[in-house]
Amino acid sequence: MIKLFATDLDGTLLKHGNVIKEEDIKAIHRLQEQNIDFAVATGRMERDIKKICSEINHDAHRISQNGAFVDTKSNQALLAKTFDAKTSNAIHNVVNSFSSPFSITTADESYISVKTPEIKAVESILYFPLVEGVDFADQYNDDFLPSKFMLLGEEKDIVALQEKINEQFLDVSETYLSDPRCVDIVPKGVSKALGLRTLAKHLGIEPEEIAVIGDSYNDIPMFEMTPNSFAMSTAPKPVQEKAAHVVDDVHQAIECLTHLVNN
């Protein structure tokens, strides 16, 4: 029996230009008819999830920043993981030494090293503007700690940077290719799977009672935690191969779950 359905955002529920298909919205609303709870698991910030929930007129449990933060739909905070000040300073100095732009995200804000024309174009479809400027490597403290660093650029370049980060910070960080042009650096242990397990424990459900859908490498951990996994047909082949099913849209995955519930 499926008791929770969790969806990724970019490339999954959110199409190009932050468009959400009406069929997907209707399918999400139908979940409650089957007593299936709803969650969003994304690399985006919690404020983005709240904005989307408002747009689709449906609340959700919120797993944000790849699992660094977990909040219930009733706004109970279950998990919050950030880098400590010393690690934050060290990672900051390493990513700042590369030529590629990078961003730093805290629980409440997202900062960008430089707003290139390409980043400005991307920013135009974001729900909230980026704050330009990251000259605070020595200012990290208990009241100001990052939950994620993000490297931006050509895939071959950022993958090379990813390998260097993995070598230097293996004991304190995880890295995910969340997009062909984007590498996320998060605290050790953080993943969408961790976020979902934290939420599942709170809800009193088992991993096999969860269904998930996504389209990127950072979705693989949650694919691996449940047999009820769906990859988007637009996902890279290695990502598709980790999922139990491949679909074109979120509503198709929900229709499949509904069929399983009724049979």
Protein backbone atom coordinates (compact mmCIF):
# COMPACT_ATOMS: atom_id res chain seq x y z
CA MET A 1 0.00 0.00 0.00
CA ILE A 2 1.41 3.39 -1.02
CA LYS A 3 1.01 6.02 1.69
CA LEU A 4 3.27 8.83 0.42
CA PHE A 5 4.09 10.19 -3.04
CA ALA A 6 7.18 12.43 -3.36
CA THR A 7 8.09 14.40 -6.47
CA ASP A 8 11.16 16.27 -7.59
CA LEU A 9 10.59 19.75 -9.05
CA ASP A 10 12.88 20.89 -11.88
CA GLY A 11 12.50 18.70 -14.95
CA THR A 12 9.82 16.63 -13.21
CA LEU A 13 6.83 18.55 -11.83
CA LEU A 14 8.24 21.85 -13.12
CA LYS A 15 8.61 22.03 -16.88
CA HIS A 16 10.59 24.69 -18.77
CA GLY A 17 9.71 28.15 -17.54
CA ASN A 18 8.34 26.84 -14.22
CA VAL A 19 5.22 25.55 -15.96
CA ILE A 20 3.21 22.86 -14.17
CA LYS A 21 0.88 20.81 -16.33
CA GLU A 22 -2.78 20.97 -15.39
CA GLU A 23 -2.96 17.16 -15.64
CA ASP A 24 -0.23 16.91 -13.01
CA ILE A 25 -2.01 19.32 -10.66
CA LYS A 26 -5.27 17.40 -10.94
CA ALA A 27 -3.46 14.10 -10.34
CA ILE A 28 -1.81 15.47 -7.18
CA HIS A 29 -5.22 16.52 -5.86
CA ARG A 30 -6.56 13.04 -6.58
CA LEU A 31 -3.93 11.50 -4.29
CA GLN A 32 -5.95 12.38 -1.21
CA GLU A 33 -8.87 10.35 -2.56
CA GLN A 34 -6.59 7.31 -2.24
CA ASN A 35 -5.33 8.40 1.20
CA ILE A 36 -1.87 9.01 -0.26
CA ASP A 37 0.08 11.85 1.35
CA PHE A 38 2.11 14.29 -0.77
CA ALA A 39 5.69 15.54 -0.50
CA VAL A 40 8.14 17.55 -2.57
CA ALA A 41 11.81 16.51 -2.58
CA THR A 42 14.02 19.02 -4.37
CA GLY A 43 17.36 20.74 -4.51
CA ARG A 44 15.49 24.03 -4.29
CA MET A 45 14.84 25.98 -1.09
CA GLU A 46 11.85 25.53 1.16
CA ARG A 47 10.50 28.93 0.14
CA ASP A 48 10.26 27.69 -3.46
CA ILE A 49 8.24 24.66 -2.39
CA LYS A 50 5.86 26.87 -0.44
CA LYS A 51 5.40 29.11 -3.47
CA ILE A 52 4.60 26.13 -5.68
CA CYS A 53 2.19 24.70 -3.12
CA SER A 54 0.38 28.02 -3.19
CA GLU A 55 0.20 27.91 -6.99
CA ILE A 56 -1.26 24.38 -7.11
CA ASN A 57 -3.46 24.99 -4.04
CA HIS A 58 -2.16 21.90 -2.27
CA ASP A 59 0.04 21.61 0.81
CA ALA A 60 3.03 19.28 0.99
CA HIS A 61 5.69 17.89 3.26
CA ARG A 62 8.88 19.68 2.22
CA ILE A 63 12.28 18.06 1.66
CA SER A 64 14.46 20.91 0.45
CA GLN A 65 18.07 21.44 -0.59
CA ASN A 66 18.53 17.75 -1.44
CA GLY A 67 17.43 16.66 2.03
CA ALA A 68 19.30 19.17 4.19
CA PHE A 69 15.96 20.42 5.52
CA VAL A 70 12.77 18.48 6.20
CA ASP A 71 9.54 20.21 7.24
CA THR A 72 6.07 18.74 7.51
CA LYS A 73 3.04 20.25 5.83
CA SER A 74 2.01 21.45 9.31
CA ASN A 75 5.35 23.34 9.46
CA GLN A 76 7.09 21.09 11.97
CA ALA A 77 10.85 21.11 11.37
CA LEU A 78 12.22 17.55 11.42
CA LEU A 79 15.76 18.05 10.09
CA ALA A 80 18.21 20.87 9.44
CA LYS A 81 21.80 20.06 8.43
CA THR A 82 24.45 22.65 7.58
CA PHE A 83 28.22 22.74 7.31
CA ASP A 84 30.09 23.95 10.41
CA ALA A 85 31.97 27.24 10.25
CA LYS A 86 35.44 25.72 9.74
CA THR A 87 34.29 23.43 6.91
CA SER A 88 32.27 26.24 5.33
CA ASN A 89 35.35 28.47 5.21
CA ALA A 90 37.49 25.70 3.69
CA ILE A 91 35.01 24.75 0.96
CA HIS A 92 34.31 28.40 0.22
CA ASN A 93 37.99 29.11 -0.40
CA VAL A 94 38.34 26.09 -2.71
CA VAL A 95 35.31 26.82 -4.89
CA ASN A 96 36.24 30.51 -4.95
CA SER A 97 39.60 29.60 -6.49
CA PHE A 98 37.92 28.19 -9.61
CA SER A 99 36.83 30.33 -12.53
CA SER A 100 33.28 28.96 -12.65
CA PRO A 101 30.49 30.89 -10.90
CA PHE A 102 29.23 29.38 -7.68
CA SER A 103 26.39 29.94 -5.27
CA ILE A 104 25.98 29.52 -1.53
CA THR A 105 22.65 28.69 0.04
CA THR A 106 21.62 29.03 3.65
CA ALA A 107 18.25 28.10 5.11
CA ASP A 108 16.85 31.48 4.10
CA GLU A 109 18.85 32.93 1.21
CA SER A 110 20.83 32.10 -1.91
CA TYR A 111 23.97 34.03 -2.88
CA ILE A 112 25.76 34.02 -6.27
CA SER A 113 29.40 34.88 -6.84
CA VAL A 114 28.68 36.84 -10.01
CA LYS A 115 25.57 37.41 -12.10
CA THR A 116 26.76 36.49 -15.58
CA PRO A 117 24.38 37.04 -18.53
CA GLU A 118 23.55 33.33 -18.43
CA ILE A 119 22.77 33.42 -14.72
CA LYS A 120 20.64 36.53 -15.18
CA ALA A 121 18.67 34.65 -17.83
CA VAL A 122 18.13 31.74 -15.43
CA GLU A 123 17.27 34.14 -12.61
CA SER A 124 14.37 35.48 -14.67
CA ILE A 125 12.48 32.22 -14.11
CA LEU A 126 13.35 31.82 -10.44
CA TYR A 127 10.71 32.53 -7.83
CA PHE A 128 13.14 34.62 -5.79
CA PRO A 129 16.13 36.73 -6.90
CA LEU A 130 19.69 35.71 -6.11
CA VAL A 131 21.82 37.96 -3.92
CA GLU A 132 25.04 38.90 -5.73
CA GLY A 133 28.22 38.72 -3.70
CA VAL A 134 29.88 35.98 -1.66
CA ASP A 135 32.68 37.89 0.06
CA PHE A 136 32.04 36.42 3.48
CA ALA A 137 34.38 33.43 3.69
CA ASP A 138 35.56 34.51 7.15
CA GLN A 139 32.10 35.45 8.42
CA TYR A 140 30.63 32.00 8.92
CA ASN A 141 29.33 31.45 12.46
CA ASP A 142 26.56 29.63 14.29
CA ASP A 143 24.03 32.16 13.03
CA PHE A 144 25.23 32.09 9.41
CA LEU A 145 26.08 28.66 7.99
CA PRO A 146 25.61 27.30 4.46
CA SER A 147 23.62 24.18 3.73
CA LYS A 148 24.75 23.96 0.11
CA PHE A 149 27.44 25.17 -2.28
CA MET A 150 26.63 24.96 -5.98
CA LEU A 151 29.14 24.97 -8.86
CA LEU A 152 27.89 26.15 -12.25
CA GLY A 153 29.39 25.72 -15.72
CA GLU A 154 30.08 23.29 -18.55
CA GLU A 155 29.57 19.66 -17.53
CA LYS A 156 33.15 18.54 -18.22
CA ASP A 157 34.52 21.43 -16.18
CA ILE A 158 32.25 21.12 -13.15
CA VAL A 159 32.61 17.34 -13.05
CA ALA A 160 36.37 17.87 -12.81
CA LEU A 161 35.77 20.32 -9.96
CA GLN A 162 33.42 17.81 -8.37
CA GLU A 163 36.18 15.19 -8.32
CA LYS A 164 38.55 17.62 -6.58
CA ILE A 165 35.92 18.48 -3.99
CA ASN A 166 35.32 14.79 -3.37
CA GLU A 167 39.04 14.21 -2.82
CA GLN A 168 39.49 17.10 -0.41
CA PHE A 169 36.23 16.94 1.54
CA LEU A 170 35.25 13.28 1.40
CA ASP A 171 34.68 13.04 5.15
CA VAL A 172 32.42 16.07 5.46
CA SER A 173 30.50 16.45 2.21
CA GLU A 174 28.43 14.79 -0.50
CA THR A 175 28.28 16.00 -4.10
CA TYR A 176 25.50 15.53 -6.64
CA LEU A 177 25.20 16.37 -10.31
CA SER A 178 21.70 17.85 -10.01
CA ASP A 179 21.80 19.11 -13.61
CA PRO A 180 24.32 18.66 -16.46
CA ARG A 181 25.59 22.17 -15.66
CA CYS A 182 25.27 22.10 -11.89
CA VAL A 183 27.05 20.30 -9.03
CA ASP A 184 25.62 20.53 -5.51
CA ILE A 185 27.90 20.21 -2.47
CA VAL A 186 26.02 19.35 0.72
CA PRO A 187 26.92 18.12 4.23
CA LYS A 188 27.94 14.48 4.62
CA GLY A 189 24.96 12.15 4.69
CA VAL A 190 22.53 14.62 3.19
CA SER A 191 20.40 13.20 0.40
CA LYS A 192 16.77 13.10 -0.66
CA ALA A 193 16.70 9.55 0.71
CA LEU A 194 17.78 10.79 4.15
CA GLY A 195 15.06 13.43 4.00
CA LEU A 196 12.42 10.89 3.02
CA ARG A 197 13.52 8.43 5.71
CA THR A 198 13.32 11.20 8.30
CA LEU A 199 9.83 12.11 7.12
CA ALA A 200 8.74 8.45 6.94
CA LYS A 201 9.83 7.83 10.54
CA HIS A 202 7.80 10.83 11.65
CA LEU A 203 4.74 9.64 9.69
CA GLY A 204 5.13 6.07 10.89
CA ILE A 205 5.47 4.53 7.44
CA GLU A 206 8.01 2.24 5.78
CA PRO A 207 10.18 3.03 2.72
CA GLU A 208 8.26 0.51 0.61
CA GLU A 209 5.10 2.54 1.30
CA ILE A 210 6.65 5.53 -0.48
CA ALA A 211 6.58 6.26 -4.22
CA VAL A 212 9.03 8.74 -5.75
CA ILE A 213 9.65 10.44 -9.08
CA GLY A 214 12.60 12.45 -10.40
CA ASP A 215 14.88 13.09 -13.34
CA SER A 216 18.45 13.73 -12.13
CA TYR A 217 21.41 12.05 -10.46
CA ASN A 218 20.48 13.57 -7.10
CA ASP A 219 17.22 11.58 -7.30
CA ILE A 220 19.00 8.21 -7.41
CA PRO A 221 19.31 7.87 -3.60
CA MET A 222 15.54 8.02 -3.22
CA PHE A 223 15.09 5.62 -6.16
CA GLU A 224 17.26 3.16 -4.28
CA MET A 225 15.29 3.36 -1.03
CA THR A 226 11.94 2.17 -2.42
CA PRO A 227 10.74 -0.28 -5.09
CA ASN A 228 8.15 2.30 -6.16
CA SER A 229 10.39 4.61 -8.18
CA PHE A 230 9.67 6.53 -11.37
CA ALA A 231 12.16 8.31 -13.61
CA MET A 232 11.19 10.86 -16.22
CA SER A 233 11.73 9.82 -19.83
CA THR A 234 13.84 12.97 -20.21
CA ALA A 235 16.27 11.80 -17.51
CA PRO A 236 19.79 10.61 -18.43
CA LYS A 237 19.89 6.88 -19.17
CA PRO A 238 21.92 6.04 -16.02
CA VAL A 239 19.20 7.73 -13.95
CA GLN A 240 16.40 5.90 -15.78
CA GLU A 241 18.16 2.60 -15.18
CA LYS A 242 18.01 3.15 -11.40
CA ALA A 243 14.21 3.52 -11.39
CA ALA A 244 11.58 0.79 -11.53
CA HIS A 245 9.47 2.69 -14.08
CA VAL A 246 9.95 5.40 -16.70
CA VAL A 247 7.16 7.88 -17.47
CA ASP A 248 6.68 11.09 -19.40
CA ASP A 249 4.81 13.03 -16.70
CA VAL A 250 3.99 13.08 -13.01
CA HIS A 251 0.33 12.31 -13.63
CA GLN A 252 1.29 9.07 -15.37
CA ALA A 253 3.16 7.92 -12.26
CA ILE A 254 0.17 8.81 -10.08
CA GLU A 255 -2.20 6.98 -12.43
CA CYS A 256 0.04 3.91 -12.10
CA LEU A 257 -0.11 4.15 -8.31
CA THR A 258 -3.89 4.53 -8.39
CA HIS A 259 -4.13 1.37 -10.46
CA LEU A 260 -1.99 -0.48 -7.93
CA VAL A 261 -4.12 0.76 -5.02
CA ASN A 262 -7.34 -0.33 -6.74
CA ASN A 263 -5.99 -3.76 -7.56
